[in-house]
Amino acid sequence: MPCLVVSRAMAGNLLPWSAAAAPPLALDRLDGPASDLADLRGRPVIVHFFATWCAPCVEEMASLDALAERLGTGATILAVNVGPGAFPDPARP
């Protein structure tokens, strides 16, 4: 059975659920090579968008760590920082 867990911080911003495929998403990782969502096709994936300045987002990290431990290799959790400084400034060398 599908289960959707939403933080209190984002509960008011939900869009209707759709069975459509996720859009393309490629991410640089801190712990290794980039991740491409297409490479995870057919596996359960949780994509968590957060910002380091968002206190509820930071509090959720402990829950995500516990969930990752509980799921083991049965699912992939990608935590994506979208806050200031998360993206390289192309104007800086």
PDB file of N, CA and C in Angstrom:
ATOM      1  N   MET A   1       0.842  -1.168   0.000  1.00  0.00           N
ATOM      2  CA  MET A   1       0.000   0.000   0.000  1.00  0.00           C
ATOM      3  C   MET A   1       0.896   1.242   0.000  1.00  0.00           C
ATOM      4  N   PRO A   2       0.662   2.211  -0.907  1.00  0.00           N
ATOM      5  CA  PRO A   2       1.455   3.440  -0.918  1.00  0.00           C
ATOM      6  C   PRO A   2       1.229   4.248   0.350  1.00  0.00           C
ATOM      7  N   CYS A   3       2.253   4.897   0.787  1.00  0.00           N
ATOM      8  CA  CYS A   3       2.164   5.729   1.985  1.00  0.00           C
ATOM      9  C   CYS A   3       2.869   7.044   1.699  1.00  0.00           C
ATOM     10  N   LEU A   4       2.219   8.150   2.013  1.00  0.00           N
ATOM     11  CA  LEU A   4       2.806   9.466   1.824  1.00  0.00           C
ATOM     12  C   LEU A   4       2.885  10.138   3.181  1.00  0.00           C
ATOM     13  N   VAL A   5       4.079  10.477   3.600  1.00  0.00           N
ATOM     14  CA  VAL A   5       4.282  11.176   4.856  1.00  0.00           C
ATOM     15  C   VAL A   5       4.750  12.581   4.510  1.00  0.00           C
ATOM     16  N   VAL A   6       4.056  13.575   5.034  1.00  0.00           N
ATOM     17  CA  VAL A   6       4.352  14.966   4.699  1.00  0.00           C
ATOM     18  C   VAL A   6       4.652  15.719   5.979  1.00  0.00           C
ATOM     19  N   SER A   7       5.659  16.563   5.926  1.00  0.00           N
ATOM     20  CA  SER A   7       5.991  17.356   7.099  1.00  0.00           C
ATOM     21  C   SER A   7       4.903  18.383   7.366  1.00  0.00           C
ATOM     22  N   ARG A   8       4.788  18.774   8.599  1.00  0.00           N
ATOM     23  CA  ARG A   8       3.832  19.828   8.950  1.00  0.00           C
ATOM     24  C   ARG A   8       4.166  21.113   8.225  1.00  0.00           C
ATOM     25  N   ALA A   9       5.453  21.342   7.980  1.00  0.00           N
ATOM     26  CA  ALA A   9       5.869  22.579   7.320  1.00  0.00           C
ATOM     27  C   ALA A   9       5.329  22.671   5.899  1.00  0.00           C
ATOM     28  N   MET A  10       5.148  21.547   5.245  1.00  0.00           N
ATOM     29  CA  MET A  10       4.743  21.557   3.842  1.00  0.00           C
ATOM     30  C   MET A  10       3.321  21.064   3.607  1.00  0.00           C
ATOM     31  N   ALA A  11       2.618  20.655   4.631  1.00  0.00           N
ATOM     32  CA  ALA A  11       1.307  20.039   4.456  1.00  0.00           C
ATOM     33  C   ALA A  11       0.329  20.927   3.691  1.00  0.00           C
ATOM     34  N   GLY A  12       0.428  22.238   3.845  1.00  0.00           N
ATOM     35  CA  GLY A  12      -0.486  23.132   3.151  1.00  0.00           C
ATOM     36  C   GLY A  12      -0.130  23.364   1.700  1.00  0.00           C
ATOM     37  N   ASN A  13       0.995  22.842   1.249  1.00  0.00           N
ATOM     38  CA  ASN A  13       1.459  23.089  -0.118  1.00  0.00           C
ATOM     39  C   ASN A  13       1.369  21.865  -1.023  1.00  0.00           C
ATOM     40  N   LEU A  14       0.600  20.866  -0.638  1.00  0.00           N
ATOM     41  CA  LEU A  14       0.522  19.640  -1.427  1.00  0.00           C
ATOM     42  C   LEU A  14      -0.235  19.845  -2.727  1.00  0.00           C
ATOM     43  N   LEU A  15       0.238  19.194  -3.760  1.00  0.00           N
ATOM     44  CA  LEU A  15      -0.475  19.138  -5.025  1.00  0.00           C
ATOM     45  C   LEU A  15      -1.183  17.795  -5.095  1.00  0.00           C
ATOM     46  N   PRO A  16      -2.236  17.691  -5.888  1.00  0.00           N
ATOM     47  CA  PRO A  16      -2.911  16.387  -6.007  1.00  0.00           C
ATOM     48  C   PRO A  16      -1.933  15.320  -6.473  1.00  0.00           C
ATOM     49  N   TRP A  17      -2.057  14.122  -5.912  1.00  0.00           N
ATOM     50  CA  TRP A  17      -1.179  13.014  -6.260  1.00  0.00           C
ATOM     51  C   TRP A  17      -1.461  12.569  -7.675  1.00  0.00           C
ATOM     52  N   SER A  18      -0.449  12.169  -8.383  1.00  0.00           N
ATOM     53  CA  SER A  18      -0.586  11.700  -9.756  1.00  0.00           C
ATOM     54  C   SER A  18       0.249  10.441  -9.926  1.00  0.00           C
ATOM     55  N   ALA A  19      -0.250   9.522 -10.717  1.00  0.00           N
ATOM     56  CA  ALA A  19       0.493   8.295 -11.001  1.00  0.00           C
ATOM     57  C   ALA A  19       1.468   8.496 -12.156  1.00  0.00           C
ATOM     58  N   ALA A  20       1.562   9.704 -12.664  1.00  0.00           N
ATOM     59  CA  ALA A  20       2.475   9.985 -13.773  1.00  0.00           C
ATOM     60  C   ALA A  20       3.919   9.787 -13.323  1.00  0.00           C
ATOM     61  N   ALA A  21       4.764   9.502 -14.275  1.00  0.00           N
ATOM     62  CA  ALA A  21       6.186   9.326 -13.972  1.00  0.00           C
ATOM     63  C   ALA A  21       6.783  10.632 -13.473  1.00  0.00           C
ATOM     64  N   ALA A  22       7.766  10.508 -12.617  1.00  0.00           N
ATOM     65  CA  ALA A  22       8.458  11.697 -12.105  1.00  0.00           C
ATOM     66  C   ALA A  22       9.215  12.367 -13.249  1.00  0.00           C
ATOM     67  N   PRO A  23       9.343  13.680 -13.190  1.00  0.00           N
ATOM     68  CA  PRO A  23      10.113  14.373 -14.233  1.00  0.00           C
ATOM     69  C   PRO A  23      11.600  14.041 -14.102  1.00  0.00           C
ATOM     70  N   PRO A  24      12.381  14.285 -15.153  1.00  0.00           N
ATOM     71  CA  PRO A  24      13.826  14.032 -15.071  1.00  0.00           C
ATOM     72  C   PRO A  24      14.450  14.824 -13.924  1.00  0.00           C
ATOM     73  N   LEU A  25      15.383  14.190 -13.233  1.00  0.00           N
ATOM     74  CA  LEU A  25      16.045  14.847 -12.108  1.00  0.00           C
ATOM     75  C   LEU A  25      17.436  14.244 -11.946  1.00  0.00           C
ATOM     76  N   ALA A  26      18.453  15.064 -12.103  1.00  0.00           N
ATOM     77  CA  ALA A  26      19.836  14.640 -11.886  1.00  0.00           C
ATOM     78  C   ALA A  26      20.416  15.515 -10.785  1.00  0.00           C
ATOM     79  N   LEU A  27      21.090  14.895  -9.827  1.00  0.00           N
ATOM     80  CA  LEU A  27      21.578  15.602  -8.647  1.00  0.00           C
ATOM     81  C   LEU A  27      23.044  15.295  -8.389  1.00  0.00           C
ATOM     82  N   ASP A  28      23.814  16.314  -8.022  1.00  0.00           N
ATOM     83  CA  ASP A  28      25.171  16.092  -7.528  1.00  0.00           C
ATOM     84  C   ASP A  28      25.062  15.596  -6.096  1.00  0.00           C
ATOM     85  N   ARG A  29      25.914  14.656  -5.721  1.00  0.00           N
ATOM     86  CA  ARG A  29      25.881  14.093  -4.371  1.00  0.00           C
ATOM     87  C   ARG A  29      27.126  14.498  -3.609  1.00  0.00           C
ATOM     88  N   LEU A  30      26.988  14.601  -2.298  1.00  0.00           N
ATOM     89  CA  LEU A  30      28.132  14.902  -1.447  1.00  0.00           C
ATOM     90  C   LEU A  30      28.997  13.673  -1.221  1.00  0.00           C
ATOM     91  N   ASP A  31      28.389  12.484  -1.326  1.00  0.00           N
ATOM     92  CA  ASP A  31      29.094  11.251  -0.977  1.00  0.00           C
ATOM     93  C   ASP A  31      29.517  10.411  -2.180  1.00  0.00           C
ATOM     94  N   GLY A  32      29.534  10.998  -3.362  1.00  0.00           N
ATOM     95  CA  GLY A  32      29.957  10.203  -4.502  1.00  0.00           C
ATOM     96  C   GLY A  32      29.454  10.750  -5.809  1.00  0.00           C
ATOM     97  N   PRO A  33      29.284   9.853  -6.785  1.00  0.00           N
ATOM     98  CA  PRO A  33      28.878  10.294  -8.119  1.00  0.00           C
ATOM     99  C   PRO A  33      27.452  10.844  -8.124  1.00  0.00           C
ATOM    100  N   ALA A  34      27.130  11.587  -9.164  1.00  0.00           N
ATOM    101  CA  ALA A  34      25.796  12.178  -9.298  1.00  0.00           C
ATOM    102  C   ALA A  34      24.736  11.082  -9.330  1.00  0.00           C
ATOM    103  N   SER A  35      23.522  11.438  -8.915  1.00  0.00           N
ATOM    104  CA  SER A  35      22.386  10.525  -8.976  1.00  0.00           C
ATOM    105  C   SER A  35      21.435  11.009 -10.053  1.00  0.00           C
ATOM    106  N   ASP A  36      20.945  10.080 -10.840  1.00  0.00           N
ATOM    107  CA  ASP A  36      19.933  10.388 -11.837  1.00  0.00           C
ATOM    108  C   ASP A  36      18.707   9.568 -11.469  1.00  0.00           C
ATOM    109  N   LEU A  37      17.583  10.231 -11.310  1.00  0.00           N
ATOM    110  CA  LEU A  37      16.366   9.542 -10.904  1.00  0.00           C
ATOM    111  C   LEU A  37      16.036   8.397 -11.866  1.00  0.00           C
ATOM    112  N   ALA A  38      16.363   8.557 -13.137  1.00  0.00           N
ATOM    113  CA  ALA A  38      16.092   7.504 -14.122  1.00  0.00           C
ATOM    114  C   ALA A  38      16.839   6.213 -13.782  1.00  0.00           C
ATOM    115  N   ASP A  39      18.000   6.319 -13.140  1.00  0.00           N
ATOM    116  CA  ASP A  39      18.772   5.131 -12.758  1.00  0.00           C
ATOM    117  C   ASP A  39      18.084   4.337 -11.652  1.00  0.00           C
ATOM    118  N   LEU A  40      17.141   4.960 -10.972  1.00  0.00           N
ATOM    119  CA  LEU A  40      16.452   4.311  -9.855  1.00  0.00           C
ATOM    120  C   LEU A  40      15.057   3.823 -10.250  1.00  0.00           C
ATOM    121  N   ARG A  41      14.751   3.867 -11.518  1.00  0.00           N
ATOM    122  CA  ARG A  41      13.430   3.449 -12.014  1.00  0.00           C
ATOM    123  C   ARG A  41      13.088   2.050 -11.503  1.00  0.00           C
ATOM    124  N   GLY A  42      11.855   1.901 -11.025  1.00  0.00           N
ATOM    125  CA  GLY A  42      11.393   0.613 -10.533  1.00  0.00           C
ATOM    126  C   GLY A  42      11.665   0.377  -9.058  1.00  0.00           C
ATOM    127  N   ARG A  43      12.391   1.292  -8.415  1.00  0.00           N
ATOM    128  CA  ARG A  43      12.683   1.176  -6.980  1.00  0.00           C
ATOM    129  C   ARG A  43      11.947   2.276  -6.234  1.00  0.00           C
ATOM    130  N   PRO A  44      11.577   2.044  -4.984  1.00  0.00           N
ATOM    131  CA  PRO A  44      10.986   3.124  -4.190  1.00  0.00           C
ATOM    132  C   PRO A  44      12.021   4.223  -3.937  1.00  0.00           C
ATOM    133  N   VAL A  45      11.640   5.467  -4.176  1.00  0.00           N
ATOM    134  CA  VAL A  45      12.529   6.612  -3.986  1.00  0.00           C
ATOM    135  C   VAL A  45      11.764   7.704  -3.251  1.00  0.00           C
ATOM    136  N   ILE A  46      12.393   8.260  -2.246  1.00  0.00           N
ATOM    137  CA  ILE A  46      11.856   9.423  -1.538  1.00  0.00           C
ATOM    138  C   ILE A  46      12.779  10.583  -1.857  1.00  0.00           C
ATOM    139  N   VAL A  47      12.225  11.647  -2.439  1.00  0.00           N
ATOM    140  CA  VAL A  47      13.004  12.852  -2.717  1.00  0.00           C
ATOM    141  C   VAL A  47      12.519  13.915  -1.740  1.00  0.00           C
ATOM    142  N   HIS A  48      13.415  14.324  -0.854  1.00  0.00           N
ATOM    143  CA  HIS A  48      13.083  15.285   0.207  1.00  0.00           C
ATOM    144  C   HIS A  48      13.792  16.599  -0.092  1.00  0.00           C
ATOM    145  N   PHE A  49      13.017  17.642  -0.388  1.00  0.00           N
ATOM    146  CA  PHE A  49      13.581  18.969  -0.638  1.00  0.00           C
ATOM    147  C   PHE A  49      13.583  19.736   0.673  1.00  0.00           C
ATOM    148  N   PHE A  50      14.715  20.358   0.996  1.00  0.00           N
ATOM    149  CA  PHE A  50      14.832  21.084   2.256  1.00  0.00           C
ATOM    150  C   PHE A  50      15.745  22.281   2.070  1.00  0.00           C
ATOM    151  N   ALA A  51      15.772  23.130   3.081  1.00  0.00           N
ATOM    152  CA  ALA A  51      16.717  24.249   3.130  1.00  0.00           C
ATOM    153  C   ALA A  51      17.314  24.271   4.531  1.00  0.00           C
ATOM    154  N   THR A  52      18.588  24.570   4.630  1.00  0.00           N
ATOM    155  CA  THR A  52      19.254  24.543   5.931  1.00  0.00           C
ATOM    156  C   THR A  52      18.727  25.613   6.875  1.00  0.00           C
ATOM    157  N   TRP A  53      18.119  26.672   6.354  1.00  0.00           N
ATOM    158  CA  TRP A  53      17.575  27.734   7.200  1.00  0.00           C
ATOM    159  C   TRP A  53      16.185  27.383   7.727  1.00  0.00           C
ATOM    160  N   CYS A  54      15.590  26.303   7.239  1.00  0.00           N
ATOM    161  CA  CYS A  54      14.226  25.901   7.601  1.00  0.00           C
ATOM    162  C   CYS A  54      14.288  24.973   8.820  1.00  0.00           C
ATOM    163  N   ALA A  55      13.931  25.506   9.987  1.00  0.00           N
ATOM    164  CA  ALA A  55      14.027  24.718  11.224  1.00  0.00           C
ATOM    165  C   ALA A  55      13.244  23.405  11.153  1.00  0.00           C
ATOM    166  N   PRO A  56      11.983  23.390  10.684  1.00  0.00           N
ATOM    167  CA  PRO A  56      11.281  22.107  10.588  1.00  0.00           C
ATOM    168  C   PRO A  56      11.979  21.127   9.647  1.00  0.00           C
ATOM    169  N   CYS A  57      12.579  21.649   8.578  1.00  0.00           N
ATOM    170  CA  CYS A  57      13.305  20.778   7.633  1.00  0.00           C
ATOM    171  C   CYS A  57      14.496  20.117   8.317  1.00  0.00           C
ATOM    172  N   VAL A  58      15.227  20.889   9.096  1.00  0.00           N
ATOM    173  CA  VAL A  58      16.393  20.363   9.804  1.00  0.00           C
ATOM    174  C   VAL A  58      15.950  19.318  10.826  1.00  0.00           C
ATOM    175  N   GLU A  59      14.837  19.574  11.515  1.00  0.00           N
ATOM    176  CA  GLU A  59      14.313  18.611  12.492  1.00  0.00           C
ATOM    177  C   GLU A  59      13.935  17.294  11.820  1.00  0.00           C
ATOM    178  N   GLU A  60      13.470  17.352  10.581  1.00  0.00           N
ATOM    179  CA  GLU A  60      13.059  16.140   9.873  1.00  0.00           C
ATOM    180  C   GLU A  60      14.227  15.225   9.530  1.00  0.00           C
ATOM    181  N   MET A  61      15.438  15.753   9.512  1.00  0.00           N
ATOM    182  CA  MET A  61      16.591  14.948   9.110  1.00  0.00           C
ATOM    183  C   MET A  61      16.779  13.723  10.002  1.00  0.00           C
ATOM    184  N   ALA A  62      16.545  13.864  11.297  1.00  0.00           N
ATOM    185  CA  ALA A  62      16.674  12.709  12.193  1.00  0.00           C
ATOM    186  C   ALA A  62      15.665  11.626  11.813  1.00  0.00           C
ATOM    187  N   SER A  63      14.452  12.035  11.460  1.00  0.00           N
ATOM    188  CA  SER A  63      13.433  11.070  11.034  1.00  0.00           C
ATOM    189  C   SER A  63      13.824  10.406   9.719  1.00  0.00           C
ATOM    190  N   LEU A  64      14.402  11.175   8.802  1.00  0.00           N
ATOM    191  CA  LEU A  64      14.854  10.597   7.532  1.00  0.00           C
ATOM    192  C   LEU A  64      15.985   9.599   7.754  1.00  0.00           C
ATOM    193  N   ASP A  65      16.899   9.920   8.668  1.00  0.00           N
ATOM    194  CA  ASP A  65      17.980   8.982   8.996  1.00  0.00           C
ATOM    195  C   ASP A  65      17.413   7.685   9.558  1.00  0.00           C
ATOM    196  N   ALA A  66      16.439   7.802  10.464  1.00  0.00           N
ATOM    197  CA  ALA A  66      15.823   6.615  11.058  1.00  0.00           C
ATOM    198  C   ALA A  66      15.082   5.805   9.996  1.00  0.00           C
ATOM    199  N   LEU A  67      14.389   6.490   9.095  1.00  0.00           N
ATOM    200  CA  LEU A  67      13.682   5.802   8.019  1.00  0.00           C
ATOM    201  C   LEU A  67      14.664   5.090   7.098  1.00  0.00           C
ATOM    202  N   ALA A  68      15.766   5.741   6.762  1.00  0.00           N
ATOM    203  CA  ALA A  68      16.779   5.121   5.902  1.00  0.00           C
ATOM    204  C   ALA A  68      17.326   3.852   6.548  1.00  0.00           C
ATOM    205  N   GLU A  69      17.569   3.906   7.844  1.00  0.00           N
ATOM    206  CA  GLU A  69      18.071   2.724   8.554  1.00  0.00           C
ATOM    207  C   GLU A  69      17.030   1.608   8.537  1.00  0.00           C
ATOM    208  N   ARG A  70      15.775   1.980   8.735  1.00  0.00           N
ATOM    209  CA  ARG A  70      14.695   0.993   8.761  1.00  0.00           C
ATOM    210  C   ARG A  70      14.496   0.347   7.386  1.00  0.00           C
ATOM    211  N   LEU A  71      14.581   1.143   6.326  1.00  0.00           N
ATOM    212  CA  LEU A  71      14.359   0.628   4.977  1.00  0.00           C
ATOM    213  C   LEU A  71      15.561  -0.129   4.432  1.00  0.00           C
ATOM    214  N   GLY A  72      16.741   0.186   4.953  1.00  0.00           N
ATOM    215  CA  GLY A  72      17.954  -0.469   4.457  1.00  0.00           C
ATOM    216  C   GLY A  72      18.138  -0.203   2.978  1.00  0.00           C
ATOM    217  N   THR A  73      18.398  -1.259   2.222  1.00  0.00           N
ATOM    218  CA  THR A  73      18.605  -1.094   0.782  1.00  0.00           C
ATOM    219  C   THR A  73      17.306  -1.219  -0.001  1.00  0.00           C
ATOM    220  N   GLY A  74      16.178  -1.285   0.698  1.00  0.00           N
ATOM    221  CA  GLY A  74      14.887  -1.446   0.030  1.00  0.00           C
ATOM    222  C   GLY A  74      14.362  -0.190  -0.626  1.00  0.00           C
ATOM    223  N   ALA A  75      14.951   0.951  -0.341  1.00  0.00           N
ATOM    224  CA  ALA A  75      14.504   2.219  -0.926  1.00  0.00           C
ATOM    225  C   ALA A  75      15.676   3.188  -0.916  1.00  0.00           C
ATOM    226  N   THR A  76      15.542   4.238  -1.692  1.00  0.00           N
ATOM    227  CA  THR A  76      16.559   5.281  -1.751  1.00  0.00           C
ATOM    228  C   THR A  76      15.945   6.583  -1.275  1.00  0.00           C
ATOM    229  N   ILE A  77      16.657   7.288  -0.404  1.00  0.00           N
ATOM    230  CA  ILE A  77      16.220   8.604   0.052  1.00  0.00           C
ATOM    231  C   ILE A  77      17.228   9.625  -0.450  1.00  0.00           C
ATOM    232  N   LEU A  78      16.741  10.601  -1.202  1.00  0.00           N
ATOM    233  CA  LEU A  78      17.575  11.693  -1.689  1.00  0.00           C
ATOM    234  C   LEU A  78      17.119  12.972  -0.998  1.00  0.00           C
ATOM    235  N   ALA A  79      17.993  13.577  -0.205  1.00  0.00           N
ATOM    236  CA  ALA A  79      17.693  14.851   0.451  1.00  0.00           C
ATOM    237  C   ALA A  79      18.352  15.950  -0.375  1.00  0.00           C
ATOM    238  N   VAL A  80      17.550  16.885  -0.860  1.00  0.00           N
ATOM    239  CA  VAL A  80      18.017  17.902  -1.798  1.00  0.00           C
ATOM    240  C   VAL A  80      17.948  19.275  -1.142  1.00  0.00           C
ATOM    241  N   ASN A  81      19.112  19.888  -0.927  1.00  0.00           N
ATOM    242  CA  ASN A  81      19.176  21.230  -0.347  1.00  0.00           C
ATOM    243  C   ASN A  81      18.855  22.248  -1.432  1.00  0.00           C
ATOM    244  N   VAL A  82      17.817  23.030  -1.233  1.00  0.00           N
ATOM    245  CA  VAL A  82      17.424  24.052  -2.206  1.00  0.00           C
ATOM    246  C   VAL A  82      17.588  25.454  -1.636  1.00  0.00           C
ATOM    247  N   GLY A  83      18.255  25.567  -0.500  1.00  0.00           N
ATOM    248  CA  GLY A  83      18.438  26.861   0.146  1.00  0.00           C
ATOM    249  C   GLY A  83      19.582  27.656  -0.449  1.00  0.00           C
ATOM    250  N   PRO A  84      19.797  28.866   0.071  1.00  0.00           N
ATOM    251  CA  PRO A  84      20.898  29.710  -0.410  1.00  0.00           C
ATOM    252  C   PRO A  84      22.235  28.981  -0.304  1.00  0.00           C
ATOM    253  N   GLY A  85      23.053  29.111  -1.325  1.00  0.00           N
ATOM    254  CA  GLY A  85      24.350  28.455  -1.337  1.00  0.00           C
ATOM    255  C   GLY A  85      24.310  27.024  -1.821  1.00  0.00           C
ATOM    256  N   ALA A  86      23.115  26.503  -2.100  1.00  0.00           N
ATOM    257  CA  ALA A  86      22.999  25.115  -2.535  1.00  0.00           C
ATOM    258  C   ALA A  86      23.420  24.928  -3.984  1.00  0.00           C
ATOM    259  N   PHE A  87      23.405  26.008  -4.744  1.00  0.00           N
ATOM    260  CA  PHE A  87      23.734  25.928  -6.164  1.00  0.00           C
ATOM    261  C   PHE A  87      24.978  26.746  -6.437  1.00  0.00           C
ATOM    262  N   PRO A  88      25.893  26.232  -7.241  1.00  0.00           N
ATOM    263  CA  PRO A  88      27.111  26.992  -7.545  1.00  0.00           C
ATOM    264  C   PRO A  88      26.767  28.287  -8.278  1.00  0.00           C
ATOM    265  N   ASP A  89      27.516  29.314  -7.985  1.00  0.00           N
ATOM    266  CA  ASP A  89      27.352  30.605  -8.651  1.00  0.00           C
ATOM    267  C   ASP A  89      28.211  30.584  -9.913  1.00  0.00           C
ATOM    268  N   PRO A  90      27.586  30.603 -11.104  1.00  0.00           N
ATOM    269  CA  PRO A  90      28.379  30.520 -12.335  1.00  0.00           C
ATOM    270  C   PRO A  90      29.308  31.712 -12.536  1.00  0.00           C
ATOM    271  N   ALA A  91      29.066  32.803 -11.817  1.00  0.00           N
ATOM    272  CA  ALA A  91      29.915  33.988 -11.955  1.00  0.00           C
ATOM    273  C   ALA A  91      31.205  33.863 -11.156  1.00  0.00           C
ATOM    274  N   ARG A  92      31.274  32.877 -10.241  1.00  0.00           N
ATOM    275  CA  ARG A  92      32.474  32.693  -9.410  1.00  0.00           C
ATOM    276  C   ARG A  92      33.349  31.606 -10.000  1.00  0.00           C
ATOM    277  N   PRO A  93      34.664  31.833 -10.013  1.00  0.00           N
ATOM    278  CA  PRO A  93      35.579  30.801 -10.548  1.00  0.00           C
ATOM    279  C   PRO A  93      35.676  29.598  -9.632  1.00  0.00           C
TER     280      PRO A  93
END
